[in-house]
Amino acid sequence: MDDNHWPSEWQRGVLDLCVLHILADGPTYGYSIAARLTDAGFADVKGGTLYPLLKRLEGAGLVDVEWRPGEAGPGRKFYLINTAGRQRLIALTASWQRYSTTVTRLLDEGSLS
């Protein structure tokens, strides 16, 4: 397994957290989010995974959506994290840190013989 191909269930499990983290940097659109995930070391995140996730975040009231005109083409749907989304990001980050520490501690206990 190369460094950018994690088991898909791992990637799906943390994608909400990572997308909220990206949105905390400011409003952006789907293609840019996918590129940031790839640059961060995720396997290629397809639109069929990303856009339903963004729709779920919107439906859960964690992000707001704004249509902006395109510079040289059609308009783009920008996603903006809102107060509820920031609170969720803080909670998910704390949970992830506890979880990853627990897994690391367990893996460090034994040998791989």
PDB file of N, CA and C in Angstrom:
ATOM      1  N   MET A   1       0.857  -1.180   0.000  1.00  0.00           N
ATOM      2  CA  MET A   1       0.000   0.000   0.000  1.00  0.00           C
ATOM      3  C   MET A   1       0.893   1.230   0.000  1.00  0.00           C
ATOM      4  N   ASP A   2       0.691   2.134  -0.981  1.00  0.00           N
ATOM      5  CA  ASP A   2       1.508   3.340  -0.969  1.00  0.00           C
ATOM      6  C   ASP A   2       0.948   4.336   0.046  1.00  0.00           C
ATOM      7  N   ASP A   3       1.696   5.382   0.303  1.00  0.00           N
ATOM      8  CA  ASP A   3       1.361   6.319   1.370  1.00  0.00           C
ATOM      9  C   ASP A   3       0.068   7.092   1.155  1.00  0.00           C
ATOM     10  N   ASN A   4      -0.456   7.147  -0.069  1.00  0.00           N
ATOM     11  CA  ASN A   4      -1.672   7.911  -0.322  1.00  0.00           C
ATOM     12  C   ASN A   4      -2.900   7.042  -0.554  1.00  0.00           C
ATOM     13  N   HIS A   5      -2.825   5.778  -0.227  1.00  0.00           N
ATOM     14  CA  HIS A   5      -3.970   4.902  -0.407  1.00  0.00           C
ATOM     15  C   HIS A   5      -4.302   4.209   0.913  1.00  0.00           C
ATOM     16  N   TRP A   6      -5.038   4.922   1.711  1.00  0.00           N
ATOM     17  CA  TRP A   6      -5.495   4.377   2.981  1.00  0.00           C
ATOM     18  C   TRP A   6      -6.688   3.475   2.717  1.00  0.00           C
ATOM     19  N   PRO A   7      -6.976   2.556   3.626  1.00  0.00           N
ATOM     20  CA  PRO A   7      -8.227   1.802   3.468  1.00  0.00           C
ATOM     21  C   PRO A   7      -9.400   2.784   3.361  1.00  0.00           C
ATOM     22  N   SER A   8     -10.295   2.525   2.442  1.00  0.00           N
ATOM     23  CA  SER A   8     -11.374   3.482   2.166  1.00  0.00           C
ATOM     24  C   SER A   8     -12.232   3.764   3.388  1.00  0.00           C
ATOM     25  N   GLU A   9     -12.421   2.772   4.250  1.00  0.00           N
ATOM     26  CA  GLU A   9     -13.236   3.008   5.451  1.00  0.00           C
ATOM     27  C   GLU A   9     -12.552   3.993   6.411  1.00  0.00           C
ATOM     28  N   TRP A  10     -11.222   4.021   6.430  1.00  0.00           N
ATOM     29  CA  TRP A  10     -10.514   5.016   7.253  1.00  0.00           C
ATOM     30  C   TRP A  10     -10.778   6.403   6.707  1.00  0.00           C
ATOM     31  N   GLN A  11     -10.622   6.535   5.393  1.00  0.00           N
ATOM     32  CA  GLN A  11     -10.799   7.837   4.768  1.00  0.00           C
ATOM     33  C   GLN A  11     -12.224   8.349   4.960  1.00  0.00           C
ATOM     34  N   ARG A  12     -13.214   7.493   4.719  1.00  0.00           N
ATOM     35  CA  ARG A  12     -14.614   7.896   4.909  1.00  0.00           C
ATOM     36  C   ARG A  12     -14.872   8.305   6.348  1.00  0.00           C
ATOM     37  N   GLY A  13     -14.225   7.623   7.289  1.00  0.00           N
ATOM     38  CA  GLY A  13     -14.464   7.892   8.705  1.00  0.00           C
ATOM     39  C   GLY A  13     -14.008   9.256   9.168  1.00  0.00           C
ATOM     40  N   VAL A  14     -13.028   9.845   8.500  1.00  0.00           N
ATOM     41  CA  VAL A  14     -12.503  11.144   8.943  1.00  0.00           C
ATOM     42  C   VAL A  14     -12.786  12.269   7.950  1.00  0.00           C
ATOM     43  N   LEU A  15     -13.474  11.966   6.877  1.00  0.00           N
ATOM     44  CA  LEU A  15     -13.673  12.969   5.836  1.00  0.00           C
ATOM     45  C   LEU A  15     -14.489  14.171   6.320  1.00  0.00           C
ATOM     46  N   ASP A  16     -15.543  13.945   7.109  1.00  0.00           N
ATOM     47  CA  ASP A  16     -16.320  15.072   7.643  1.00  0.00           C
ATOM     48  C   ASP A  16     -15.411  16.017   8.421  1.00  0.00           C
ATOM     49  N   LEU A  17     -14.608  15.450   9.303  1.00  0.00           N
ATOM     50  CA  LEU A  17     -13.683  16.246  10.110  1.00  0.00           C
ATOM     51  C   LEU A  17     -12.732  17.041   9.221  1.00  0.00           C
ATOM     52  N   CYS A  18     -12.156  16.394   8.239  1.00  0.00           N
ATOM     53  CA  CYS A  18     -11.170  17.056   7.375  1.00  0.00           C
ATOM     54  C   CYS A  18     -11.807  18.138   6.509  1.00  0.00           C
ATOM     55  N   VAL A  19     -13.005  17.893   6.009  1.00  0.00           N
ATOM     56  CA  VAL A  19     -13.684  18.901   5.190  1.00  0.00           C
ATOM     57  C   VAL A  19     -14.059  20.107   6.050  1.00  0.00           C
ATOM     58  N   LEU A  20     -14.562  19.881   7.251  1.00  0.00           N
ATOM     59  CA  LEU A  20     -14.863  21.004   8.145  1.00  0.00           C
ATOM     60  C   LEU A  20     -13.595  21.794   8.462  1.00  0.00           C
ATOM     61  N   HIS A  21     -12.494  21.091   8.649  1.00  0.00           N
ATOM     62  CA  HIS A  21     -11.215  21.764   8.913  1.00  0.00           C
ATOM     63  C   HIS A  21     -10.809  22.653   7.732  1.00  0.00           C
ATOM     64  N   ILE A  22     -10.966  22.143   6.531  1.00  0.00           N
ATOM     65  CA  ILE A  22     -10.646  22.931   5.338  1.00  0.00           C
ATOM     66  C   ILE A  22     -11.561  24.153   5.257  1.00  0.00           C
ATOM     67  N   LEU A  23     -12.836  23.956   5.525  1.00  0.00           N
ATOM     68  CA  LEU A  23     -13.784  25.071   5.450  1.00  0.00           C
ATOM     69  C   LEU A  23     -13.529  26.122   6.529  1.00  0.00           C
ATOM     70  N   ALA A  24     -12.892  25.735   7.616  1.00  0.00           N
ATOM     71  CA  ALA A  24     -12.563  26.705   8.669  1.00  0.00           C
ATOM     72  C   ALA A  24     -11.559  27.746   8.172  1.00  0.00           C
ATOM     73  N   ASP A  25     -10.845  27.435   7.081  1.00  0.00           N
ATOM     74  CA  ASP A  25      -9.896  28.400   6.502  1.00  0.00           C
ATOM     75  C   ASP A  25     -10.594  29.466   5.667  1.00  0.00           C
ATOM     76  N   GLY A  26     -11.868  29.264   5.366  1.00  0.00           N
ATOM     77  CA  GLY A  26     -12.617  30.247   4.580  1.00  0.00           C
ATOM     78  C   GLY A  26     -13.465  29.572   3.528  1.00  0.00           C
ATOM     79  N   PRO A  27     -14.391  30.326   2.943  1.00  0.00           N
ATOM     80  CA  PRO A  27     -15.300  29.761   1.948  1.00  0.00           C
ATOM     81  C   PRO A  27     -14.540  29.184   0.757  1.00  0.00           C
ATOM     82  N   THR A  28     -15.013  28.064   0.275  1.00  0.00           N
ATOM     83  CA  THR A  28     -14.384  27.444  -0.889  1.00  0.00           C
ATOM     84  C   THR A  28     -15.397  26.550  -1.587  1.00  0.00           C
ATOM     85  N   TYR A  29     -15.016  25.983  -2.697  1.00  0.00           N
ATOM     86  CA  TYR A  29     -15.911  25.169  -3.520  1.00  0.00           C
ATOM     87  C   TYR A  29     -15.381  23.738  -3.603  1.00  0.00           C
ATOM     88  N   GLY A  30     -16.218  22.849  -4.097  1.00  0.00           N
ATOM     89  CA  GLY A  30     -15.932  21.420  -4.080  1.00  0.00           C
ATOM     90  C   GLY A  30     -14.604  21.013  -4.680  1.00  0.00           C
ATOM     91  N   TYR A  31     -14.314  21.488  -5.891  1.00  0.00           N
ATOM     92  CA  TYR A  31     -13.065  21.080  -6.549  1.00  0.00           C
ATOM     93  C   TYR A  31     -11.847  21.488  -5.718  1.00  0.00           C
ATOM     94  N   SER A  32     -11.897  22.667  -5.134  1.00  0.00           N
ATOM     95  CA  SER A  32     -10.796  23.149  -4.298  1.00  0.00           C
ATOM     96  C   SER A  32     -10.647  22.301  -3.039  1.00  0.00           C
ATOM     97  N   ILE A  33     -11.766  21.896  -2.447  1.00  0.00           N
ATOM     98  CA  ILE A  33     -11.723  21.022  -1.268  1.00  0.00           C
ATOM     99  C   ILE A  33     -11.068  19.697  -1.635  1.00  0.00           C
ATOM    100  N   ALA A  34     -11.475  19.119  -2.756  1.00  0.00           N
ATOM    101  CA  ALA A  34     -10.897  17.844  -3.204  1.00  0.00           C
ATOM    102  C   ALA A  34      -9.395  17.987  -3.432  1.00  0.00           C
ATOM    103  N   ALA A  35      -8.978  19.097  -4.033  1.00  0.00           N
ATOM    104  CA  ALA A  35      -7.549  19.321  -4.278  1.00  0.00           C
ATOM    105  C   ALA A  35      -6.782  19.447  -2.967  1.00  0.00           C
ATOM    106  N   ARG A  36      -7.353  20.143  -1.988  1.00  0.00           N
ATOM    107  CA  ARG A  36      -6.690  20.269  -0.678  1.00  0.00           C
ATOM    108  C   ARG A  36      -6.548  18.907  -0.007  1.00  0.00           C
ATOM    109  N   LEU A  37      -7.574  18.076  -0.113  1.00  0.00           N
ATOM    110  CA  LEU A  37      -7.503  16.734   0.475  1.00  0.00           C
ATOM    111  C   LEU A  37      -6.403  15.922  -0.187  1.00  0.00           C
ATOM    112  N   THR A  38      -6.323  15.992  -1.508  1.00  0.00           N
ATOM    113  CA  THR A  38      -5.280  15.277  -2.242  1.00  0.00           C
ATOM    114  C   THR A  38      -3.904  15.790  -1.842  1.00  0.00           C
ATOM    115  N   ASP A  39      -3.756  17.115  -1.776  1.00  0.00           N
ATOM    116  CA  ASP A  39      -2.478  17.708  -1.373  1.00  0.00           C
ATOM    117  C   ASP A  39      -2.079  17.292   0.038  1.00  0.00           C
ATOM    118  N   ALA A  40      -3.071  17.049   0.891  1.00  0.00           N
ATOM    119  CA  ALA A  40      -2.800  16.647   2.275  1.00  0.00           C
ATOM    120  C   ALA A  40      -2.405  15.176   2.383  1.00  0.00           C
ATOM    121  N   GLY A  41      -2.583  14.413   1.290  1.00  0.00           N
ATOM    122  CA  GLY A  41      -2.172  13.017   1.316  1.00  0.00           C
ATOM    123  C   GLY A  41      -3.302  12.016   1.237  1.00  0.00           C
ATOM    124  N   PHE A  42      -4.535  12.494   1.058  1.00  0.00           N
ATOM    125  CA  PHE A  42      -5.651  11.573   0.872  1.00  0.00           C
ATOM    126  C   PHE A  42      -5.611  11.023  -0.541  1.00  0.00           C
ATOM    127  N   ALA A  43      -6.143   9.830  -0.695  1.00  0.00           N
ATOM    128  CA  ALA A  43      -6.335   9.300  -2.043  1.00  0.00           C
ATOM    129  C   ALA A  43      -7.332  10.210  -2.747  1.00  0.00           C
ATOM    130  N   ASP A  44      -7.379  10.143  -4.047  1.00  0.00           N
ATOM    131  CA  ASP A  44      -8.270  10.990  -4.827  1.00  0.00           C
ATOM    132  C   ASP A  44      -9.702  10.867  -4.308  1.00  0.00           C
ATOM    133  N   VAL A  45     -10.265  11.987  -3.868  1.00  0.00           N
ATOM    134  CA  VAL A  45     -11.636  12.006  -3.370  1.00  0.00           C
ATOM    135  C   VAL A  45     -12.545  12.375  -4.533  1.00  0.00           C
ATOM    136  N   LYS A  46     -13.386  11.461  -4.905  1.00  0.00           N
ATOM    137  CA  LYS A  46     -14.271  11.647  -6.057  1.00  0.00           C
ATOM    138  C   LYS A  46     -15.470  12.518  -5.697  1.00  0.00           C
ATOM    139  N   GLY A  47     -16.031  13.152  -6.706  1.00  0.00           N
ATOM    140  CA  GLY A  47     -17.220  13.979  -6.518  1.00  0.00           C
ATOM    141  C   GLY A  47     -18.384  13.200  -5.939  1.00  0.00           C
ATOM    142  N   GLY A  48     -18.479  11.919  -6.285  1.00  0.00           N
ATOM    143  CA  GLY A  48     -19.556  11.076  -5.770  1.00  0.00           C
ATOM    144  C   GLY A  48     -19.448  10.822  -4.279  1.00  0.00           C
ATOM    145  N   THR A  49     -18.292  11.093  -3.712  1.00  0.00           N
ATOM    146  CA  THR A  49     -18.094  11.002  -2.264  1.00  0.00           C
ATOM    147  C   THR A  49     -18.202  12.388  -1.637  1.00  0.00           C
ATOM    148  N   LEU A  50     -17.539  13.364  -2.247  1.00  0.00           N
ATOM    149  CA  LEU A  50     -17.442  14.697  -1.655  1.00  0.00           C
ATOM    150  C   LEU A  50     -18.767  15.461  -1.665  1.00  0.00           C
ATOM    151  N   TYR A  51     -19.456  15.493  -2.804  1.00  0.00           N
ATOM    152  CA  TYR A  51     -20.656  16.328  -2.890  1.00  0.00           C
ATOM    153  C   TYR A  51     -21.803  15.825  -2.012  1.00  0.00           C
ATOM    154  N   PRO A  52     -22.033  14.523  -1.897  1.00  0.00           N
ATOM    155  CA  PRO A  52     -23.041  14.077  -0.921  1.00  0.00           C
ATOM    156  C   PRO A  52     -22.643  14.432   0.521  1.00  0.00           C
ATOM    157  N   LEU A  53     -21.345  14.375   0.833  1.00  0.00           N
ATOM    158  CA  LEU A  53     -20.880  14.763   2.166  1.00  0.00           C
ATOM    159  C   LEU A  53     -21.181  16.243   2.412  1.00  0.00           C
ATOM    160  N   LEU A  54     -20.877  17.098   1.423  1.00  0.00           N
ATOM    161  CA  LEU A  54     -21.155  18.526   1.563  1.00  0.00           C
ATOM    162  C   LEU A  54     -22.656  18.768   1.719  1.00  0.00           C
ATOM    163  N   LYS A  55     -23.458  18.013   0.992  1.00  0.00           N
ATOM    164  CA  LYS A  55     -24.920  18.133   1.103  1.00  0.00           C
ATOM    165  C   LYS A  55     -25.382  17.722   2.505  1.00  0.00           C
ATOM    166  N   ARG A  56     -24.771  16.666   3.065  1.00  0.00           N
ATOM    167  CA  ARG A  56     -25.114  16.242   4.430  1.00  0.00           C
ATOM    168  C   ARG A  56     -24.732  17.316   5.448  1.00  0.00           C
ATOM    169  N   LEU A  57     -23.544  17.913   5.271  1.00  0.00           N
ATOM    170  CA  LEU A  57     -23.116  18.978   6.181  1.00  0.00           C
ATOM    171  C   LEU A  57     -24.074  20.169   6.105  1.00  0.00           C
ATOM    172  N   GLU A  58     -24.504  20.482   4.887  1.00  0.00           N
ATOM    173  CA  GLU A  58     -25.471  21.574   4.695  1.00  0.00           C
ATOM    174  C   GLU A  58     -26.802  21.214   5.366  1.00  0.00           C
ATOM    175  N   GLY A  59     -27.280  20.002   5.126  1.00  0.00           N
ATOM    176  CA  GLY A  59     -28.543  19.553   5.709  1.00  0.00           C
ATOM    177  C   GLY A  59     -28.512  19.504   7.229  1.00  0.00           C
ATOM    178  N   ALA A  60     -27.341  19.241   7.785  1.00  0.00           N
ATOM    179  CA  ALA A  60     -27.182  19.194   9.243  1.00  0.00           C
ATOM    180  C   ALA A  60     -27.030  20.594   9.840  1.00  0.00           C
ATOM    181  N   GLY A  61     -27.008  21.617   8.984  1.00  0.00           N
ATOM    182  CA  GLY A  61     -26.886  22.983   9.481  1.00  0.00           C
ATOM    183  C   GLY A  61     -25.482  23.369   9.904  1.00  0.00           C
ATOM    184  N   LEU A  62     -24.465  22.676   9.358  1.00  0.00           N
ATOM    185  CA  LEU A  62     -23.074  22.935   9.741  1.00  0.00           C
ATOM    186  C   LEU A  62     -22.345  23.844   8.762  1.00  0.00           C
ATOM    187  N   VAL A  63     -22.887  23.949   7.546  1.00  0.00           N
ATOM    188  CA  VAL A  63     -22.300  24.833   6.541  1.00  0.00           C
ATOM    189  C   VAL A  63     -23.414  25.605   5.848  1.00  0.00           C
ATOM    190  N   ASP A  64     -23.051  26.760   5.368  1.00  0.00           N
ATOM    191  CA  ASP A  64     -23.949  27.566   4.559  1.00  0.00           C
ATOM    192  C   ASP A  64     -23.432  27.516   3.126  1.00  0.00           C
ATOM    193  N   VAL A  65     -24.319  27.774   2.189  1.00  0.00           N
ATOM    194  CA  VAL A  65     -23.980  27.706   0.773  1.00  0.00           C
ATOM    195  C   VAL A  65     -24.244  29.064   0.141  1.00  0.00           C
ATOM    196  N   GLU A  66     -23.354  29.425  -0.763  1.00  0.00           N
ATOM    197  CA  GLU A  66     -23.486  30.697  -1.473  1.00  0.00           C
ATOM    198  C   GLU A  66     -23.072  30.487  -2.923  1.00  0.00           C
ATOM    199  N   TRP A  67     -23.926  30.881  -3.843  1.00  0.00           N
ATOM    200  CA  TRP A  67     -23.581  30.815  -5.271  1.00  0.00           C
ATOM    201  C   TRP A  67     -22.817  32.071  -5.640  1.00  0.00           C
ATOM    202  N   ARG A  68     -21.698  31.897  -6.335  1.00  0.00           N
ATOM    203  CA  ARG A  68     -20.900  33.030  -6.798  1.00  0.00           C
ATOM    204  C   ARG A  68     -20.696  32.901  -8.300  1.00  0.00           C
ATOM    205  N   PRO A  69     -20.719  34.029  -8.993  1.00  0.00           N
ATOM    206  CA  PRO A  69     -20.499  33.960 -10.440  1.00  0.00           C
ATOM    207  C   PRO A  69     -19.094  33.464 -10.757  1.00  0.00           C
ATOM    208  N   GLY A  70     -18.983  32.711 -11.835  1.00  0.00           N
ATOM    209  CA  GLY A  70     -17.677  32.224 -12.271  1.00  0.00           C
ATOM    210  C   GLY A  70     -16.897  33.314 -12.975  1.00  0.00           C
ATOM    211  N   GLU A  71     -15.592  33.247 -12.869  1.00  0.00           N
ATOM    212  CA  GLU A  71     -14.742  34.246 -13.523  1.00  0.00           C
ATOM    213  C   GLU A  71     -14.737  34.064 -15.038  1.00  0.00           C
ATOM    214  N   ALA A  72     -14.716  32.821 -15.496  1.00  0.00           N
ATOM    215  CA  ALA A  72     -14.664  32.576 -16.935  1.00  0.00           C
ATOM    216  C   ALA A  72     -15.599  31.444 -17.334  1.00  0.00           C
ATOM    217  N   GLY A  73     -16.618  31.229 -16.534  1.00  0.00           N
ATOM    218  CA  GLY A  73     -17.527  30.132 -16.823  1.00  0.00           C
ATOM    219  C   GLY A  73     -18.735  30.203 -15.910  1.00  0.00           C
ATOM    220  N   PRO A  74     -19.337  29.055 -15.678  1.00  0.00           N
ATOM    221  CA  PRO A  74     -20.540  29.038 -14.841  1.00  0.00           C
ATOM    222  C   PRO A  74     -20.218  29.384 -13.383  1.00  0.00           C
ATOM    223  N   GLY A  75     -21.247  29.742 -12.647  1.00  0.00           N
ATOM    224  CA  GLY A  75     -21.087  30.044 -11.235  1.00  0.00           C
ATOM    225  C   GLY A  75     -20.665  28.822 -10.445  1.00  0.00           C
ATOM    226  N   ARG A  76     -20.205  29.087  -9.243  1.00  0.00           N
ATOM    227  CA  ARG A  76     -19.765  28.002  -8.358  1.00  0.00           C
ATOM    228  C   ARG A  76     -20.513  28.088  -7.047  1.00  0.00           C
ATOM    229  N   LYS A  77     -20.728  26.929  -6.471  1.00  0.00           N
ATOM    230  CA  LYS A  77     -21.352  26.819  -5.168  1.00  0.00           C
ATOM    231  C   LYS A  77     -20.230  26.826  -4.126  1.00  0.00           C
ATOM    232  N   PHE A  78     -20.189  27.860  -3.309  1.00  0.00           N
ATOM    233  CA  PHE A  78     -19.192  27.956  -2.256  1.00  0.00           C
ATOM    234  C   PHE A  78     -19.802  27.497  -0.947  1.00  0.00           C
ATOM    235  N   TYR A  79     -18.988  26.822  -0.151  1.00  0.00           N
ATOM    236  CA  TYR A  79     -19.401  26.311   1.148  1.00  0.00           C
ATOM    237  C   TYR A  79     -18.684  27.107   2.220  1.00  0.00           C
ATOM    238  N   LEU A  80     -19.466  27.520   3.244  1.00  0.00           N
ATOM    239  CA  LEU A  80     -18.927  28.323   4.330  1.00  0.00           C
ATOM    240  C   LEU A  80     -19.281  27.645   5.647  1.00  0.00           C
ATOM    241  N   ILE A  81     -18.303  27.408   6.486  1.00  0.00           N
ATOM    242  CA  ILE A  81     -18.593  26.835   7.798  1.00  0.00           C
ATOM    243  C   ILE A  81     -19.295  27.911   8.631  1.00  0.00           C
ATOM    244  N   ASN A  82     -20.282  27.502   9.404  1.00  0.00           N
ATOM    245  CA  ASN A  82     -20.988  28.454  10.262  1.00  0.00           C
ATOM    246  C   ASN A  82     -20.678  28.138  11.730  1.00  0.00           C
ATOM    247  N   THR A  83     -21.339  28.822  12.633  1.00  0.00           N
ATOM    248  CA  THR A  83     -21.056  28.646  14.061  1.00  0.00           C
ATOM    249  C   THR A  83     -21.269  27.204  14.511  1.00  0.00           C
ATOM    250  N   ALA A  84     -22.365  26.608  14.097  1.00  0.00           N
ATOM    251  CA  ALA A  84     -22.631  25.204  14.463  1.00  0.00           C
ATOM    252  C   ALA A  84     -21.553  24.288  13.885  1.00  0.00           C
ATOM    253  N   GLY A  85     -21.110  24.585  12.671  1.00  0.00           N
ATOM    254  CA  GLY A  85     -20.051  23.788  12.055  1.00  0.00           C
ATOM    255  C   GLY A  85     -18.735  23.919  12.798  1.00  0.00           C
ATOM    256  N   ARG A  86     -18.419  25.130  13.254  1.00  0.00           N
ATOM    257  CA  ARG A  86     -17.184  25.323  14.033  1.00  0.00           C
ATOM    258  C   ARG A  86     -17.251  24.566  15.359  1.00  0.00           C
ATOM    259  N   GLN A  87     -18.410  24.587  15.989  1.00  0.00           N
ATOM    260  CA  GLN A  87     -18.571  23.828  17.236  1.00  0.00           C
ATOM    261  C   GLN A  87     -18.412  22.330  16.980  1.00  0.00           C
ATOM    262  N   ARG A  88     -18.984  21.857  15.886  1.00  0.00           N
ATOM    263  CA  ARG A  88     -18.851  20.438  15.517  1.00  0.00           C
ATOM    264  C   ARG A  88     -17.401  20.097  15.201  1.00  0.00           C
ATOM    265  N   LEU A  89     -16.705  20.996  14.516  1.00  0.00           N
ATOM    266  CA  LEU A  89     -15.288  20.790  14.204  1.00  0.00           C
ATOM    267  C   LEU A  89     -14.467  20.664  15.478  1.00  0.00           C
ATOM    268  N   ILE A  90     -14.716  21.520  16.446  1.00  0.00           N
ATOM    269  CA  ILE A  90     -13.987  21.462  17.717  1.00  0.00           C
ATOM    270  C   ILE A  90     -14.251  20.130  18.416  1.00  0.00           C
ATOM    271  N   ALA A  91     -15.518  19.718  18.450  1.00  0.00           N
ATOM    272  CA  ALA A  91     -15.870  18.453  19.109  1.00  0.00           C
ATOM    273  C   ALA A  91     -15.262  17.257  18.381  1.00  0.00           C
ATOM    274  N   LEU A  92     -15.361  17.239  17.048  1.00  0.00           N
ATOM    275  CA  LEU A  92     -14.791  16.124  16.283  1.00  0.00           C
ATOM    276  C   LEU A  92     -13.270  16.069  16.416  1.00  0.00           C
ATOM    277  N   THR A  93     -12.627  17.227  16.434  1.00  0.00           N
ATOM    278  CA  THR A  93     -11.168  17.263  16.579  1.00  0.00           C
ATOM    279  C   THR A  93     -10.753  16.669  17.915  1.00  0.00           C
ATOM    280  N   ALA A  94     -11.422  17.055  18.972  1.00  0.00           N
ATOM    281  CA  ALA A  94     -11.107  16.512  20.298  1.00  0.00           C
ATOM    282  C   ALA A  94     -11.345  15.001  20.339  1.00  0.00           C
ATOM    283  N   SER A  95     -12.446  14.557  19.759  1.00  0.00           N
ATOM    284  CA  SER A  95     -12.737  13.119  19.722  1.00  0.00           C
ATOM    285  C   SER A  95     -11.692  12.371  18.918  1.00  0.00           C
ATOM    286  N   TRP A  96     -11.327  12.915  17.752  1.00  0.00           N
ATOM    287  CA  TRP A  96     -10.319  12.268  16.921  1.00  0.00           C
ATOM    288  C   TRP A  96      -8.992  12.168  17.656  1.00  0.00           C
ATOM    289  N   GLN A  97      -8.590  13.200  18.347  1.00  0.00           N
ATOM    290  CA  GLN A  97      -7.317  13.181  19.058  1.00  0.00           C
ATOM    291  C   GLN A  97      -7.323  12.119  20.155  1.00  0.00           C
ATOM    292  N   ARG A  98      -8.431  12.001  20.885  1.00  0.00           N
ATOM    293  CA  ARG A  98      -8.530  10.951  21.908  1.00  0.00           C
ATOM    294  C   ARG A  98      -8.491   9.566  21.258  1.00  0.00           C
ATOM    295  N   TYR A  99      -9.236   9.397  20.176  1.00  0.00           N
ATOM    296  CA  TYR A  99      -9.308   8.110  19.495  1.00  0.00           C
ATOM    297  C   TYR A  99      -7.952   7.710  18.929  1.00  0.00           C
ATOM    298  N   SER A 100      -7.295   8.627  18.224  1.00  0.00           N
ATOM    299  CA  SER A 100      -6.010   8.282  17.613  1.00  0.00           C
ATOM    300  C   SER A 100      -4.952   8.001  18.680  1.00  0.00           C
ATOM    301  N   THR A 101      -5.024   8.693  19.808  1.00  0.00           N
ATOM    302  CA  THR A 101      -4.109   8.406  20.919  1.00  0.00           C
ATOM    303  C   THR A 101      -4.361   7.004  21.468  1.00  0.00           C
ATOM    304  N   THR A 102      -5.614   6.630  21.590  1.00  0.00           N
ATOM    305  CA  THR A 102      -5.972   5.294  22.085  1.00  0.00           C
ATOM    306  C   THR A 102      -5.447   4.214  21.145  1.00  0.00           C
ATOM    307  N   VAL A 103      -5.645   4.392  19.843  1.00  0.00           N
ATOM    308  CA  VAL A 103      -5.173   3.404  18.868  1.00  0.00           C
ATOM    309  C   VAL A 103      -3.650   3.324  18.891  1.00  0.00           C
ATOM    310  N   THR A 104      -2.989   4.462  18.911  1.00  0.00           N
ATOM    311  CA  THR A 104      -1.524   4.487  18.931  1.00  0.00           C
ATOM    312  C   THR A 104      -1.000   3.803  20.183  1.00  0.00           C
ATOM    313  N   ARG A 105      -1.609   4.078  21.309  1.00  0.00           N
ATOM    314  CA  ARG A 105      -1.186   3.450  22.572  1.00  0.00           C
ATOM    315  C   ARG A 105      -1.307   1.929  22.475  1.00  0.00           C
ATOM    316  N   LEU A 106      -2.419   1.448  21.941  1.00  0.00           N
ATOM    317  CA  LEU A 106      -2.618   0.010  21.789  1.00  0.00           C
ATOM    318  C   LEU A 106      -1.573  -0.589  20.854  1.00  0.00           C
ATOM    319  N   LEU A 107      -1.336   0.051  19.717  1.00  0.00           N
ATOM    320  CA  LEU A 107      -0.373  -0.472  18.757  1.00  0.00           C
ATOM    321  C   LEU A 107       1.047  -0.457  19.294  1.00  0.00           C
ATOM    322  N   ASP A 108       1.341   0.483  20.157  1.00  0.00           N
ATOM    323  CA  ASP A 108       2.686   0.568  20.749  1.00  0.00           C
ATOM    324  C   ASP A 108       2.910  -0.477  21.830  1.00  0.00           C
ATOM    325  N   GLU A 109       1.833  -1.091  22.364  1.00  0.00           N
ATOM    326  CA  GLU A 109       1.955  -2.069  23.441  1.00  0.00           C
ATOM    327  C   GLU A 109       2.588  -3.377  23.006  1.00  0.00           C
ATOM    328  N   GLY A 110       2.260  -3.828  21.849  1.00  0.00           N
ATOM    329  CA  GLY A 110       2.680  -5.169  21.453  1.00  0.00           C
ATOM    330  C   GLY A 110       3.714  -5.165  20.368  1.00  0.00           C
ATOM    331  N   SER A 111       4.162  -6.359  20.057  1.00  0.00           N
ATOM    332  CA  SER A 111       5.123  -6.499  18.971  1.00  0.00           C
ATOM    333  C   SER A 111       4.410  -7.063  17.753  1.00  0.00           C
ATOM    334  N   LEU A 112       5.026  -6.928  16.633  1.00  0.00           N
ATOM    335  CA  LEU A 112       4.462  -7.456  15.387  1.00  0.00           C
ATOM    336  C   LEU A 112       5.215  -8.720  14.983  1.00  0.00           C
ATOM    337  N   SER A 113       5.213  -9.696  15.867  1.00  0.00           N
ATOM    338  CA  SER A 113       5.975 -10.908  15.564  1.00  0.00           C
ATOM    339  C   SER A 113       5.197 -11.915  14.786  1.00  0.00           C
TER     340      SER A 113
END
